[in-house]
N, C-alpha and C. Protein backbone atom coordinates (compact mmCIF):
# COMPACT_ATOMS: atom_id res chain seq x y z
N MET A 1 0.84 -1.19 0.00
CA MET A 1 0.00 0.00 0.00
C MET A 1 0.88 1.25 0.00
N ARG A 2 0.39 2.28 -0.58
CA ARG A 2 1.16 3.53 -0.67
C ARG A 2 1.14 4.24 0.66
N ASP A 3 2.19 5.04 0.89
CA ASP A 3 2.22 5.79 2.13
C ASP A 3 1.44 7.10 1.98
N GLU A 4 1.18 7.74 3.09
CA GLU A 4 0.34 8.93 3.10
C GLU A 4 0.92 10.04 2.23
N GLU A 5 2.23 10.24 2.28
CA GLU A 5 2.85 11.31 1.50
C GLU A 5 2.63 11.11 0.00
N GLU A 6 2.77 9.87 -0.46
CA GLU A 6 2.57 9.58 -1.88
C GLU A 6 1.12 9.82 -2.29
N ILE A 7 0.18 9.44 -1.44
CA ILE A 7 -1.23 9.66 -1.75
C ILE A 7 -1.54 11.15 -1.77
N ARG A 8 -1.01 11.90 -0.82
CA ARG A 8 -1.23 13.35 -0.79
C ARG A 8 -0.65 14.02 -2.04
N GLU A 9 0.53 13.59 -2.47
CA GLU A 9 1.13 14.16 -3.68
C GLU A 9 0.24 13.90 -4.89
N GLN A 10 -0.29 12.70 -5.00
CA GLN A 10 -1.17 12.36 -6.11
C GLN A 10 -2.44 13.19 -6.06
N TYR A 11 -2.99 13.35 -4.87
CA TYR A 11 -4.20 14.15 -4.68
C TYR A 11 -3.97 15.60 -5.10
N GLU A 12 -2.85 16.18 -4.67
CA GLU A 12 -2.52 17.55 -5.04
C GLU A 12 -2.30 17.70 -6.55
N PHE A 13 -1.64 16.71 -7.15
CA PHE A 13 -1.42 16.73 -8.60
C PHE A 13 -2.76 16.74 -9.34
N LEU A 14 -3.67 15.85 -8.92
CA LEU A 14 -4.97 15.78 -9.58
C LEU A 14 -5.77 17.07 -9.38
N THR A 15 -5.66 17.67 -8.21
CA THR A 15 -6.36 18.93 -7.96
C THR A 15 -5.86 20.01 -8.91
N GLU A 16 -4.54 20.10 -9.07
CA GLU A 16 -3.96 21.09 -9.99
C GLU A 16 -4.40 20.82 -11.42
N GLN A 17 -4.37 19.55 -11.82
CA GLN A 17 -4.78 19.20 -13.18
C GLN A 17 -6.24 19.55 -13.43
N LEU A 18 -7.09 19.27 -12.46
CA LEU A 18 -8.52 19.52 -12.61
C LEU A 18 -8.80 21.02 -12.76
N GLU A 19 -8.00 21.85 -12.10
CA GLU A 19 -8.23 23.29 -12.13
C GLU A 19 -7.54 23.98 -13.31
N SER A 20 -6.71 23.26 -14.07
CA SER A 20 -5.97 23.89 -15.17
C SER A 20 -6.90 24.20 -16.34
N PRO A 21 -6.56 25.21 -17.14
CA PRO A 21 -7.40 25.60 -18.28
C PRO A 21 -7.50 24.52 -19.35
N GLU A 22 -6.54 23.60 -19.39
CA GLU A 22 -6.58 22.54 -20.41
C GLU A 22 -7.70 21.53 -20.17
N MET A 23 -8.24 21.51 -18.96
CA MET A 23 -9.27 20.53 -18.62
C MET A 23 -10.66 21.08 -18.98
N ARG A 24 -10.92 21.20 -20.26
CA ARG A 24 -12.20 21.77 -20.69
C ARG A 24 -13.23 20.72 -21.03
N HIS A 25 -12.79 19.57 -21.44
CA HIS A 25 -13.73 18.53 -21.84
C HIS A 25 -14.45 17.99 -20.60
N GLU A 26 -15.75 18.05 -20.60
CA GLU A 26 -16.53 17.72 -19.41
C GLU A 26 -16.38 16.26 -18.97
N GLY A 27 -16.24 15.34 -19.91
CA GLY A 27 -16.07 13.94 -19.54
C GLY A 27 -14.77 13.70 -18.78
N VAL A 28 -13.69 14.33 -19.25
CA VAL A 28 -12.40 14.19 -18.57
C VAL A 28 -12.47 14.86 -17.21
N LYS A 29 -13.08 16.02 -17.16
CA LYS A 29 -13.21 16.75 -15.90
C LYS A 29 -14.01 15.93 -14.88
N GLU A 30 -15.07 15.31 -15.34
CA GLU A 30 -15.90 14.49 -14.46
C GLU A 30 -15.11 13.29 -13.94
N MET A 31 -14.34 12.65 -14.81
CA MET A 31 -13.54 11.49 -14.42
C MET A 31 -12.53 11.89 -13.33
N PHE A 32 -11.83 13.00 -13.52
CA PHE A 32 -10.87 13.45 -12.52
C PHE A 32 -11.56 13.83 -11.22
N THR A 33 -12.75 14.39 -11.30
CA THR A 33 -13.50 14.74 -10.09
C THR A 33 -13.79 13.50 -9.27
N TYR A 34 -14.23 12.42 -9.93
CA TYR A 34 -14.51 11.18 -9.21
C TYR A 34 -13.25 10.59 -8.62
N TYR A 35 -12.16 10.62 -9.37
CA TYR A 35 -10.89 10.07 -8.90
C TYR A 35 -10.37 10.86 -7.70
N LYS A 36 -10.47 12.19 -7.81
CA LYS A 36 -10.04 13.06 -6.73
C LYS A 36 -10.88 12.80 -5.47
N ARG A 37 -12.17 12.64 -5.63
CA ARG A 37 -13.06 12.36 -4.50
C ARG A 37 -12.71 11.03 -3.85
N ALA A 38 -12.42 10.02 -4.66
CA ALA A 38 -12.06 8.71 -4.12
C ALA A 38 -10.76 8.78 -3.33
N LEU A 39 -9.78 9.52 -3.83
CA LEU A 39 -8.52 9.68 -3.08
C LEU A 39 -8.76 10.40 -1.77
N GLY A 40 -9.64 11.37 -1.77
CA GLY A 40 -9.98 12.09 -0.54
C GLY A 40 -10.59 11.16 0.48
N TRP A 41 -11.46 10.26 0.03
CA TRP A 41 -12.07 9.29 0.94
C TRP A 41 -11.01 8.36 1.53
N VAL A 42 -10.07 7.93 0.71
CA VAL A 42 -9.00 7.05 1.19
C VAL A 42 -8.19 7.76 2.27
N LEU A 43 -7.86 9.03 2.01
CA LEU A 43 -7.09 9.80 3.01
C LEU A 43 -7.87 9.92 4.32
N GLU A 44 -9.15 10.20 4.24
CA GLU A 44 -9.95 10.34 5.44
C GLU A 44 -10.01 9.03 6.21
N GLU A 45 -10.28 7.96 5.52
CA GLU A 45 -10.46 6.67 6.20
C GLU A 45 -9.16 6.10 6.73
N GLU A 46 -8.06 6.26 6.01
CA GLU A 46 -6.81 5.61 6.38
C GLU A 46 -5.97 6.44 7.35
N TYR A 47 -6.04 7.76 7.25
CA TYR A 47 -5.07 8.57 7.97
C TYR A 47 -5.67 9.60 8.91
N MET A 48 -6.98 9.67 8.99
CA MET A 48 -7.56 10.69 9.86
C MET A 48 -8.43 10.09 10.92
């Protein structure tokens, strides 16, 4: 299993990607939103 730091780095990367101007296509944006939400749940359940 990945450590907390690695998961946080991935979460921050996805957050930046989701907010970038290149993310205009709604399907891609929606996919990243779900992935970002899932990572947030993992962080809450595993480390908080």
